[in-house]
Amino acid sequence: MYGYVRPGVLAPAEAAALRQAVFRLFGEASKDEGPLSEGEVVRRMNEEGLTTARGNPWRREVLHRLLTNPRIAGLDPSGKPIEGWGEPVLTPEQFLRLGALFDERSSQRATPREPHDYLATGGCAICGNCATSMTGARVDSDAPPSYRCPPPTEAVKSCGSVRMNADRLEESVAEQVLAELLKPGAQEHLEALQADVEAEAARLRQHIKGADARFASIGDLHGRGLMVESAFLAAQKANKDDLRLSRARLHYLEQMTDLPIGGVDDLVHWWNTAPHASKKALVLLEIEHVRVLPQQAGSNDPHGRLQIKWRQPAA
């Protein structure tokens, strides 16, 4: 445990660093500055070249977890002094005071906002610049929910530069979906799309079901010396990737199959009263994807930023 060489025996330099951190939390480290947040304290520790017991930079949650461990004050989990424990990093009084400070700051934090149930995630909304699937996110805890192109990573070469508020995107998509539902033959069109989706889902279930046999065949060939190690590993990886993508695709399709539209005469009325899951199923069924274009200077029309590719029944 950071601060101790072994239980009850101080590591002087580490103990001093933790005491300084606590003084900063209380605002007692300097006459010129008040109490600091855990994040600010951690930033100071890292600037001073301090590292954790494992040699890593300090993080807020690591410091918090350490300072809320009773052993930092030589106490057991019930709050009683541990017999034979030497000098603690903090006194029991400091530990109790620190707990009260954490409780006070926790109560002052804003209550987390309710999660938003996004209508067009999972590959339905894509970035108009790079075609990456957009994710649902908030810029910060006080910001409204939005769709954003995720920042680029090693695996995903996204642009990370396109964002649109969820209410503007979803209301515009809903308006266009409702316009499609008002067209003649909308019910038959939806039923044909649903039949295509159910057929694809059935094929995928069979494909996934046969994964064990495919892996067994690859292992058998390798075991009999008919496949070199590199080819075996490549085949294993290809089949694992295929299985992962197939399961993800099946999950996406299954969201569309449970859509109670049979016998519905007024689809617009159905939309206005349907639960969110059914609305999402309808959007995913109607739309192959919606491209979200970057915001243009001087334009405030959300429809102008959306390019919808409608799903068509198989020939």
Protein backbone atom coordinates (compact mmCIF):
# COMPACT_ATOMS: atom_id res chain seq x y z
CA MET A 1 0.00 0.00 0.00
CA TYR A 2 1.38 3.39 -0.99
CA GLY A 3 2.67 5.23 2.07
CA TYR A 4 3.93 2.10 3.80
CA VAL A 5 6.98 -0.13 3.35
CA ARG A 6 4.89 -2.91 4.87
CA PRO A 7 1.72 -2.85 7.00
CA GLY A 8 2.22 -0.39 9.82
CA VAL A 9 5.72 0.70 8.75
CA LEU A 10 5.89 4.07 7.00
CA ALA A 11 7.66 4.82 3.71
CA PRO A 12 8.66 8.37 4.72
CA ALA A 13 8.75 10.01 1.28
CA GLU A 14 5.43 8.44 0.19
CA ALA A 15 3.76 9.30 3.50
CA ALA A 16 4.93 12.92 3.15
CA ALA A 17 3.50 13.10 -0.39
CA LEU A 18 0.11 11.84 0.80
CA ARG A 19 0.04 14.21 3.76
CA GLN A 20 0.81 17.10 1.41
CA ALA A 21 -2.03 15.95 -0.85
CA VAL A 22 -4.42 15.96 2.10
CA PHE A 23 -3.25 19.41 3.23
CA ARG A 24 -4.02 20.65 -0.29
CA LEU A 25 -7.49 19.11 -0.17
CA PHE A 26 -8.13 20.90 3.14
CA GLY A 27 -6.61 24.15 1.87
CA GLU A 28 -3.88 24.03 4.52
CA ALA A 29 -0.83 23.60 2.27
CA SER A 30 -0.46 27.30 1.53
CA LYS A 31 -1.84 30.56 2.86
CA ASP A 32 -2.26 31.79 -0.71
CA GLU A 33 -4.60 29.10 -2.04
CA GLY A 34 -7.80 27.55 -0.80
CA PRO A 35 -8.90 23.92 -0.83
CA LEU A 36 -8.08 22.08 -4.05
CA SER A 37 -10.13 19.41 -5.81
CA GLU A 38 -8.83 15.86 -6.09
CA GLY A 39 -8.19 16.46 -9.79
CA GLU A 40 -6.10 19.56 -9.04
CA VAL A 41 -4.16 17.72 -6.33
CA VAL A 42 -3.40 14.87 -8.70
CA ARG A 43 -2.22 17.32 -11.35
CA ARG A 44 0.20 18.86 -8.83
CA MET A 45 1.50 15.44 -7.80
CA ASN A 46 2.19 14.50 -11.42
CA GLU A 47 3.87 17.86 -12.10
CA GLU A 48 6.15 17.19 -9.14
CA GLY A 49 7.18 13.85 -10.65
CA LEU A 50 5.40 11.69 -8.07
CA THR A 51 4.21 8.27 -9.19
CA THR A 52 2.08 5.52 -7.70
CA ALA A 53 3.57 2.40 -6.11
CA ARG A 54 3.58 0.80 -9.57
CA GLY A 55 5.37 3.74 -11.15
CA ASN A 56 2.31 5.09 -12.96
CA PRO A 57 1.06 8.70 -13.06
CA TRP A 58 -1.51 9.51 -10.42
CA ARG A 59 -5.21 9.51 -11.35
CA ARG A 60 -8.04 10.99 -9.33
CA GLU A 61 -9.76 7.66 -8.68
CA VAL A 62 -6.49 6.06 -7.52
CA LEU A 63 -5.85 8.83 -4.98
CA HIS A 64 -9.47 8.77 -3.81
CA ARG A 65 -9.44 5.00 -3.34
CA LEU A 66 -6.22 5.24 -1.31
CA LEU A 67 -7.40 8.09 0.91
CA THR A 68 -10.70 6.35 1.70
CA ASN A 69 -8.94 3.14 2.79
CA PRO A 70 -9.05 3.03 6.65
CA ARG A 71 -5.54 1.52 6.76
CA ILE A 72 -4.18 4.92 5.69
CA ALA A 73 -5.01 5.91 9.30
CA GLY A 74 -4.15 2.56 10.89
CA LEU A 75 -7.81 1.55 11.20
CA ASP A 76 -9.65 -1.66 10.36
CA PRO A 77 -12.81 -1.65 8.16
CA SER A 78 -14.99 -1.07 11.25
CA GLY A 79 -12.97 2.05 12.15
CA LYS A 80 -11.13 0.57 15.12
CA PRO A 81 -7.33 0.96 15.54
CA ILE A 82 -5.34 -2.04 14.24
CA GLU A 83 -3.40 -3.59 17.10
CA GLY A 84 0.36 -3.34 16.65
CA TRP A 85 0.12 -0.89 13.75
CA GLY A 86 2.98 1.59 13.83
CA GLU A 87 2.72 5.23 12.80
CA PRO A 88 -0.11 5.80 10.28
CA VAL A 89 0.07 8.15 7.30
CA LEU A 90 -2.95 10.09 8.60
CA THR A 91 -4.31 10.39 12.09
CA PRO A 92 -7.79 8.92 12.67
CA GLU A 93 -9.08 12.49 13.12
CA GLN A 94 -7.69 13.52 9.74
CA PHE A 95 -9.18 10.42 8.13
CA LEU A 96 -12.67 11.18 9.54
CA ARG A 97 -12.38 14.82 8.52
CA LEU A 98 -11.32 13.78 5.03
CA GLY A 99 -14.33 11.44 4.74
CA ALA A 100 -16.64 14.30 5.72
CA LEU A 101 -15.01 16.52 3.09
CA PHE A 102 -15.54 13.89 0.39
CA ASP A 103 -19.17 13.43 1.46
CA GLU A 104 -19.78 17.19 1.35
CA ARG A 105 -18.24 17.55 -2.10
CA SER A 106 -20.17 14.55 -3.39
CA SER A 107 -23.48 16.06 -2.24
CA GLN A 108 -22.63 19.32 -4.02
CA ARG A 109 -22.03 17.67 -7.37
CA ALA A 110 -24.83 17.91 -9.91
CA THR A 111 -27.12 14.91 -10.08
CA PRO A 112 -26.22 12.87 -13.20
CA ARG A 113 -28.62 13.47 -16.06
CA GLU A 114 -30.89 10.70 -17.20
CA PRO A 115 -29.35 8.72 -20.08
CA HIS A 116 -30.79 9.52 -23.48
CA ASP A 117 -32.28 6.66 -25.49
CA TYR A 118 -30.81 7.38 -28.93
CA LEU A 119 -32.89 6.68 -32.02
CA ALA A 120 -30.23 6.29 -34.72
CA THR A 121 -27.07 4.83 -33.17
CA GLY A 122 -25.57 1.43 -33.96
CA GLY A 123 -24.64 2.31 -37.53
CA CYS A 124 -27.81 4.12 -38.61
CA ALA A 125 -26.30 7.62 -38.31
CA ILE A 126 -22.91 7.95 -40.00
CA CYS A 127 -20.46 10.81 -40.34
CA GLY A 128 -20.85 12.76 -43.58
CA ASN A 129 -17.08 13.28 -43.78
CA CYS A 130 -15.64 9.83 -43.11
CA ALA A 131 -18.69 7.47 -43.00
CA THR A 132 -17.82 6.31 -39.47
CA SER A 133 -20.76 5.19 -37.33
CA MET A 134 -21.72 8.06 -35.02
CA THR A 135 -22.09 7.54 -31.29
CA GLY A 136 -24.37 9.12 -28.73
CA ALA A 137 -22.59 11.39 -26.26
CA ARG A 138 -22.73 14.62 -24.30
CA VAL A 139 -19.96 17.20 -24.56
CA ASP A 140 -20.19 17.58 -20.76
CA SER A 141 -22.68 16.75 -18.01
CA ASP A 142 -24.71 19.93 -18.62
CA ALA A 143 -24.80 19.62 -22.41
CA PRO A 144 -27.74 18.13 -24.31
CA PRO A 145 -27.38 14.65 -25.82
CA SER A 146 -25.81 14.66 -29.26
CA TYR A 147 -24.50 12.46 -32.05
CA ARG A 148 -20.80 12.72 -32.74
CA CYS A 149 -18.17 11.20 -34.97
CA PRO A 150 -15.83 9.54 -32.44
CA PRO A 151 -12.20 10.64 -32.13
CA PRO A 152 -9.79 8.62 -34.29
CA THR A 153 -8.04 5.57 -32.83
CA GLU A 154 -5.57 2.98 -34.10
CA ALA A 155 -8.46 0.76 -35.19
CA VAL A 156 -10.91 3.44 -36.43
CA LYS A 157 -9.65 6.21 -38.71
CA SER A 158 -12.54 8.58 -37.99
CA CYS A 159 -12.37 12.36 -38.39
CA GLY A 160 -13.98 13.18 -35.04
CA SER A 161 -15.18 16.54 -36.35
CA VAL A 162 -18.94 16.18 -37.00
CA ARG A 163 -21.53 16.59 -34.25
CA MET A 164 -25.27 17.27 -34.14
CA ASN A 165 -27.67 17.68 -31.25
CA ALA A 166 -29.82 14.58 -30.82
CA ASP A 167 -33.14 16.44 -30.73
CA ARG A 168 -32.45 18.16 -34.07
CA LEU A 169 -31.27 14.98 -35.79
CA GLU A 170 -33.99 12.73 -34.40
CA GLU A 171 -36.87 15.13 -34.98
CA SER A 172 -35.75 15.69 -38.58
CA VAL A 173 -35.39 11.95 -39.22
CA ALA A 174 -38.80 11.30 -37.63
CA GLU A 175 -40.42 13.90 -39.86
CA GLN A 176 -39.01 12.26 -42.98
CA VAL A 177 -39.97 8.77 -41.79
CA LEU A 178 -43.52 9.98 -41.13
CA ALA A 179 -43.62 11.46 -44.63
CA GLU A 180 -42.71 8.01 -45.99
CA LEU A 181 -45.47 6.41 -43.92
CA LEU A 182 -48.03 8.70 -45.56
CA LYS A 183 -47.18 7.45 -49.05
CA PRO A 184 -49.46 4.90 -50.74
CA GLY A 185 -48.34 1.32 -50.16
CA ALA A 186 -46.34 2.17 -47.03
CA GLN A 187 -47.72 -0.82 -45.14
CA GLU A 188 -46.83 -3.28 -47.90
CA HIS A 189 -43.39 -1.68 -48.24
CA LEU A 190 -42.69 -2.17 -44.54
CA GLU A 191 -43.90 -5.76 -44.59
CA ALA A 192 -41.57 -6.54 -47.51
CA LEU A 193 -38.63 -4.95 -45.69
CA GLN A 194 -39.44 -6.88 -42.55
CA ALA A 195 -39.56 -10.15 -44.47
CA ASP A 196 -36.10 -9.42 -45.92
CA VAL A 197 -34.70 -8.66 -42.47
CA GLU A 198 -36.19 -11.81 -40.96
CA ALA A 199 -34.72 -13.91 -43.77
CA GLU A 200 -31.26 -12.40 -43.28
CA ALA A 201 -31.52 -12.91 -39.52
CA ALA A 202 -32.41 -16.57 -40.04
CA ARG A 203 -29.36 -17.05 -42.30
CA LEU A 204 -27.11 -15.40 -39.73
CA ARG A 205 -28.42 -17.61 -36.91
CA GLN A 206 -27.54 -20.67 -38.97
CA HIS A 207 -24.13 -19.24 -39.78
CA ILE A 208 -23.43 -18.51 -36.09
CA LYS A 209 -24.70 -21.96 -35.12
CA GLY A 210 -22.10 -23.54 -37.45
CA ALA A 211 -19.18 -21.63 -35.90
CA ASP A 212 -18.17 -24.47 -33.57
CA ALA A 213 -17.95 -26.91 -36.50
CA ARG A 214 -15.80 -24.45 -38.47
CA PHE A 215 -13.41 -23.96 -35.56
CA ALA A 216 -13.26 -27.74 -35.05
CA SER A 217 -12.38 -28.29 -38.71
CA ILE A 218 -9.57 -25.74 -38.54
CA GLY A 219 -8.23 -27.38 -35.38
CA ASP A 220 -8.41 -30.83 -36.96
CA LEU A 221 -6.44 -29.73 -40.02
CA HIS A 222 -3.84 -28.13 -37.81
CA GLY A 223 -3.65 -31.13 -35.51
CA ARG A 224 -3.02 -33.49 -38.45
CA GLY A 225 -0.22 -31.29 -39.74
CA LEU A 226 -2.17 -30.23 -42.83
CA MET A 227 -2.07 -26.54 -41.92
CA VAL A 228 1.04 -24.56 -40.97
CA GLU A 229 0.97 -22.53 -37.77
CA SER A 230 0.70 -19.14 -39.48
CA ALA A 231 -2.21 -20.29 -41.64
CA PHE A 232 -3.92 -21.83 -38.59
CA LEU A 233 -3.64 -18.59 -36.60
CA ALA A 234 -4.87 -16.53 -39.57
CA ALA A 235 -7.86 -18.84 -40.06
CA GLN A 236 -8.68 -18.74 -36.35
CA LYS A 237 -8.58 -14.94 -36.34
CA ALA A 238 -10.68 -14.64 -39.50
CA ASN A 239 -13.35 -16.93 -38.05
CA LYS A 240 -13.38 -15.09 -34.71
CA ASP A 241 -13.75 -11.75 -36.49
CA ASP A 242 -16.51 -13.18 -38.68
CA LEU A 243 -18.35 -14.54 -35.64
CA ARG A 244 -18.10 -11.21 -33.81
CA LEU A 245 -19.39 -9.25 -36.81
CA SER A 246 -22.17 -11.77 -37.44
CA ARG A 247 -23.40 -11.53 -33.87
CA ALA A 248 -23.32 -7.73 -34.01
CA ARG A 249 -25.24 -7.75 -37.30
CA LEU A 250 -27.81 -10.20 -35.92
CA HIS A 251 -28.36 -8.00 -32.87
CA TYR A 252 -28.88 -5.02 -35.18
CA LEU A 253 -31.40 -6.92 -37.32
CA GLU A 254 -33.29 -8.29 -34.34
CA GLN A 255 -34.13 -4.75 -33.29
CA MET A 256 -36.21 -4.46 -36.48
CA THR A 257 -38.03 -7.79 -36.43
CA ASP A 258 -40.10 -7.14 -33.31
CA LEU A 259 -42.17 -4.42 -34.93
CA PRO A 260 -45.96 -4.71 -34.32
CA ILE A 261 -47.26 -3.12 -37.51
CA GLY A 262 -49.42 -5.93 -38.86
CA GLY A 263 -52.97 -4.72 -39.32
CA VAL A 264 -52.16 -1.10 -38.44
CA ASP A 265 -54.35 1.21 -40.52
CA ASP A 266 -52.95 4.58 -39.43
CA LEU A 267 -49.15 4.34 -39.22
CA VAL A 268 -48.77 8.00 -38.27
CA HIS A 269 -51.11 7.55 -35.30
CA TRP A 270 -49.20 4.39 -34.42
CA TRP A 271 -45.94 6.36 -34.46
CA ASN A 272 -47.32 9.04 -32.13
CA THR A 273 -48.34 6.47 -29.52
CA ALA A 274 -45.68 3.75 -29.98
CA PRO A 275 -42.98 3.06 -27.37
CA HIS A 276 -39.46 4.25 -28.14
CA ALA A 277 -38.18 0.73 -28.92
CA SER A 278 -40.81 0.31 -31.63
CA LYS A 279 -40.05 3.72 -33.12
CA LYS A 280 -36.37 2.83 -33.25
CA ALA A 281 -37.22 -0.49 -34.90
CA LEU A 282 -39.20 1.35 -37.57
CA VAL A 283 -36.41 3.87 -38.21
CA LEU A 284 -33.81 1.11 -38.55
CA LEU A 285 -36.15 -0.80 -40.87
CA GLU A 286 -36.91 2.18 -43.12
CA ILE A 287 -33.42 3.69 -43.21
CA GLU A 288 -30.22 2.02 -44.33
CA HIS A 289 -28.29 4.98 -42.96
CA VAL A 290 -28.47 8.74 -42.56
CA ARG A 291 -25.35 10.76 -43.39
CA VAL A 292 -24.83 13.72 -41.06
CA LEU A 293 -23.03 16.55 -42.83
CA PRO A 294 -20.88 19.19 -41.10
CA GLN A 295 -22.57 22.40 -39.95
CA GLN A 296 -22.47 25.07 -42.67
CA ALA A 297 -21.93 28.68 -41.70
CA GLY A 298 -25.16 30.67 -41.80
CA SER A 299 -27.42 27.61 -42.10
CA ASN A 300 -29.70 26.48 -39.28
CA ASP A 301 -31.84 23.96 -41.16
CA PRO A 302 -31.24 20.48 -39.69
CA HIS A 303 -32.81 18.82 -42.75
CA GLY A 304 -30.06 20.31 -44.89
CA ARG A 305 -27.46 18.39 -42.91
CA LEU A 306 -29.08 14.98 -43.36
CA GLN A 307 -28.90 12.66 -46.37
CA ILE A 308 -31.07 9.59 -45.88
CA LYS A 309 -30.52 6.36 -47.80
CA TRP A 310 -33.81 4.49 -47.67
CA ARG A 311 -33.83 0.72 -47.41
CA GLN A 312 -35.32 -1.05 -50.43
CA PRO A 313 -36.91 -4.53 -50.52
CA ALA A 314 -34.93 -7.27 -52.23
CA ALA A 315 -35.85 -7.72 -55.87
